[in-house]
Amino acid sequence: MTEEQQNLLQKLYVEQQLAESNLNTIQQQIELTQVLLNQYQNGLAILKELEARKEGEETLLNVGGGIFIQAKLIDTSKVTRALGSGVRIELSIEQAMEGVGKAIESLGKQYESLISDLGKLANRAESLDAQMRQLATQMQAQGAQ
């Protein structure tokens, strides 16, 4: 085994480990994006359902986790949206649906981009693995001589 081969094998190994780590990170980002996308899609469905309801009507309201409460609708024309850090704003239901729709579109694009990045990185990791196997085979053949 030459020093050049050993250095190349070490370089390939480090790069392959980095690719694996990045694959795991991207996979986690994909999962998080999918969770957020599902939440926004569920929220949009609820907003559409509320838009069709009338004031004073009773309904089952999904509070998450498969739990529903009986609620009486007081004002179906407005919703409150949390912006973060305890800040909330009041929006018309149409404004809320438009905002949620834009968020869904943005998350969808992010999801597609992450899937593409995952595929490219997986191909690179496979290429590195093949290079390492080929180099190891060459080194074994040289050692046998």
Protein backbone atom coordinates (compact mmCIF):
# COMPACT_ATOMS: atom_id res chain seq x y z
CA MET A 1 0.00 0.00 0.00
CA THR A 2 1.50 3.28 -1.07
CA GLU A 3 1.25 6.44 0.95
CA GLU A 4 -0.64 8.07 -1.91
CA GLN A 5 -3.26 5.30 -1.88
CA GLN A 6 -3.56 5.51 1.89
CA ASN A 7 -4.07 9.28 1.76
CA LEU A 8 -6.66 8.91 -1.01
CA LEU A 9 -8.52 6.22 0.94
CA GLN A 10 -8.52 8.42 4.04
CA LYS A 11 -9.79 11.41 2.02
CA LEU A 12 -12.56 9.32 0.47
CA TYR A 13 -13.52 7.95 3.88
CA VAL A 14 -13.77 11.43 5.43
CA GLU A 15 -15.81 12.72 2.47
CA GLN A 16 -18.09 9.67 2.62
CA GLN A 17 -18.68 10.18 6.37
CA LEU A 18 -19.50 13.85 5.75
CA ALA A 19 -21.93 12.87 2.99
CA GLU A 20 -23.65 10.38 5.34
CA SER A 21 -23.96 13.05 8.02
CA ASN A 22 -25.42 15.51 5.51
CA LEU A 23 -27.85 12.84 4.29
CA ASN A 24 -29.13 12.41 7.85
CA THR A 25 -29.47 16.18 8.27
CA ILE A 26 -31.41 16.55 5.02
CA GLN A 27 -33.64 13.62 5.95
CA GLN A 28 -34.48 15.33 9.24
CA GLN A 29 -35.24 18.57 7.38
CA ILE A 30 -37.52 16.67 5.01
CA GLU A 31 -39.40 15.13 7.93
CA LEU A 32 -39.79 18.50 9.65
CA THR A 33 -40.96 20.14 6.43
CA GLN A 34 -43.50 17.35 5.91
CA VAL A 35 -44.85 17.81 9.44
CA LEU A 36 -45.21 21.57 8.91
CA LEU A 37 -46.81 21.03 5.51
CA ASN A 38 -49.36 18.62 7.04
CA GLN A 39 -50.15 21.11 9.82
CA TYR A 40 -50.73 23.94 7.36
CA GLN A 41 -52.85 21.72 5.10
CA ASN A 42 -54.96 20.67 8.09
CA GLY A 43 -55.28 24.30 9.14
CA LEU A 44 -56.43 25.30 5.66
CA ALA A 45 -59.03 22.53 5.66
CA ILE A 46 -60.35 23.74 9.02
CA LEU A 47 -60.48 27.35 7.79
CA LYS A 48 -62.45 26.26 4.73
CA GLU A 49 -64.86 24.34 6.94
CA LEU A 50 -65.29 27.33 9.27
CA GLU A 51 -65.89 29.64 6.31
CA ALA A 52 -68.92 27.53 5.37
CA ARG A 53 -70.37 27.66 8.91
CA LYS A 54 -72.69 30.28 10.34
CA GLU A 55 -72.38 32.28 13.53
CA GLY A 56 -74.03 30.57 16.48
CA GLU A 57 -73.68 27.14 14.90
CA GLU A 58 -72.32 24.35 17.08
CA THR A 59 -69.48 22.22 15.81
CA LEU A 60 -66.81 19.78 16.89
CA LEU A 61 -63.48 21.57 16.93
CA ASN A 62 -60.28 19.56 16.45
CA VAL A 63 -57.75 20.62 19.09
CA GLY A 64 -55.11 18.12 17.90
CA GLY A 65 -54.13 14.62 18.77
CA GLY A 66 -57.49 13.26 17.67
CA ILE A 67 -59.26 15.28 20.39
CA PHE A 68 -62.36 17.32 19.61
CA ILE A 69 -64.40 19.72 21.70
CA GLN A 70 -67.95 20.92 21.23
CA ALA A 71 -67.82 24.62 20.35
CA LYS A 72 -70.29 27.32 19.45
CA LEU A 73 -69.08 29.67 16.72
CA ILE A 74 -69.34 33.31 17.69
CA ASP A 75 -67.68 35.09 14.75
CA THR A 76 -66.70 33.03 11.72
CA SER A 77 -65.46 36.02 9.72
CA LYS A 78 -62.28 36.56 11.75
CA VAL A 79 -59.45 34.42 13.07
CA THR A 80 -56.45 35.10 15.28
CA ARG A 81 -53.01 34.16 13.99
CA ALA A 82 -49.96 33.73 16.19
CA LEU A 83 -46.85 35.42 14.82
CA GLY A 84 -44.52 34.22 17.55
CA SER A 85 -43.18 35.62 20.82
CA GLY A 86 -46.74 35.95 22.12
CA VAL A 87 -47.75 38.30 19.29
CA ARG A 88 -51.11 37.65 17.66
CA ILE A 89 -53.03 39.44 14.94
CA GLU A 90 -56.63 39.32 13.87
CA LEU A 91 -57.30 38.49 10.22
CA SER A 92 -60.30 37.89 8.06
CA ILE A 93 -60.76 34.23 7.27
CA GLU A 94 -59.90 35.02 3.62
CA GLN A 95 -56.61 36.68 4.64
CA ALA A 96 -55.77 33.72 6.86
CA MET A 97 -56.47 31.24 4.06
CA GLU A 98 -54.34 33.28 1.66
CA GLY A 99 -51.45 33.34 4.16
CA VAL A 100 -51.74 29.62 4.84
CA GLY A 101 -51.89 28.93 1.10
CA LYS A 102 -48.66 30.88 0.55
CA ALA A 103 -47.00 28.99 3.40
CA ILE A 104 -48.10 25.67 1.87
CA GLU A 105 -46.70 26.71 -1.50
CA SER A 106 -43.40 27.77 0.05
CA LEU A 107 -43.10 24.58 2.10
CA GLY A 108 -43.93 22.50 -0.97
CA LYS A 109 -41.07 24.13 -2.89
CA GLN A 110 -38.74 23.64 0.06
CA TYR A 111 -39.77 19.97 0.27
CA GLU A 112 -39.10 19.38 -3.44
CA SER A 113 -35.71 21.09 -3.16
CA LEU A 114 -34.75 18.95 -0.18
CA ILE A 115 -35.81 15.78 -1.99
CA SER A 116 -33.65 16.79 -4.95
CA ASP A 117 -30.68 17.56 -2.68
CA LEU A 118 -31.15 14.21 -0.93
CA GLY A 119 -31.04 12.35 -4.24
CA LYS A 120 -27.91 14.15 -5.40
CA LEU A 121 -26.15 13.57 -2.11
CA ALA A 122 -27.17 9.90 -2.02
CA ASN A 123 -25.68 9.45 -5.49
CA ARG A 124 -22.46 11.13 -4.34
CA ALA A 125 -22.29 8.88 -1.27
CA GLU A 126 -22.75 5.81 -3.46
CA SER A 127 -19.99 7.02 -5.79
CA LEU A 128 -17.62 7.56 -2.87
CA ASP A 129 -18.42 4.12 -1.51
CA ALA A 130 -17.68 2.54 -4.91
CA GLN A 131 -14.39 4.45 -5.16
CA MET A 132 -13.38 3.28 -1.69
CA ARG A 133 -14.19 -0.35 -2.52
CA GLN A 134 -12.24 -0.14 -5.78
CA LEU A 135 -9.23 1.42 -4.05
CA ALA A 136 -9.35 -1.18 -1.26
CA THR A 137 -9.45 -3.98 -3.87
CA GLN A 138 -6.42 -2.48 -5.64
CA MET A 139 -4.54 -2.16 -2.37
CA GLN A 140 -5.31 -5.78 -1.45
CA ALA A 141 -4.11 -6.95 -4.87
CA GLN A 142 -0.86 -5.03 -4.43
CA GLY A 143 -0.40 -6.44 -0.95
CA ALA A 144 -0.82 -9.98 -2.25
CA GLN A 145 2.02 -9.53 -4.73
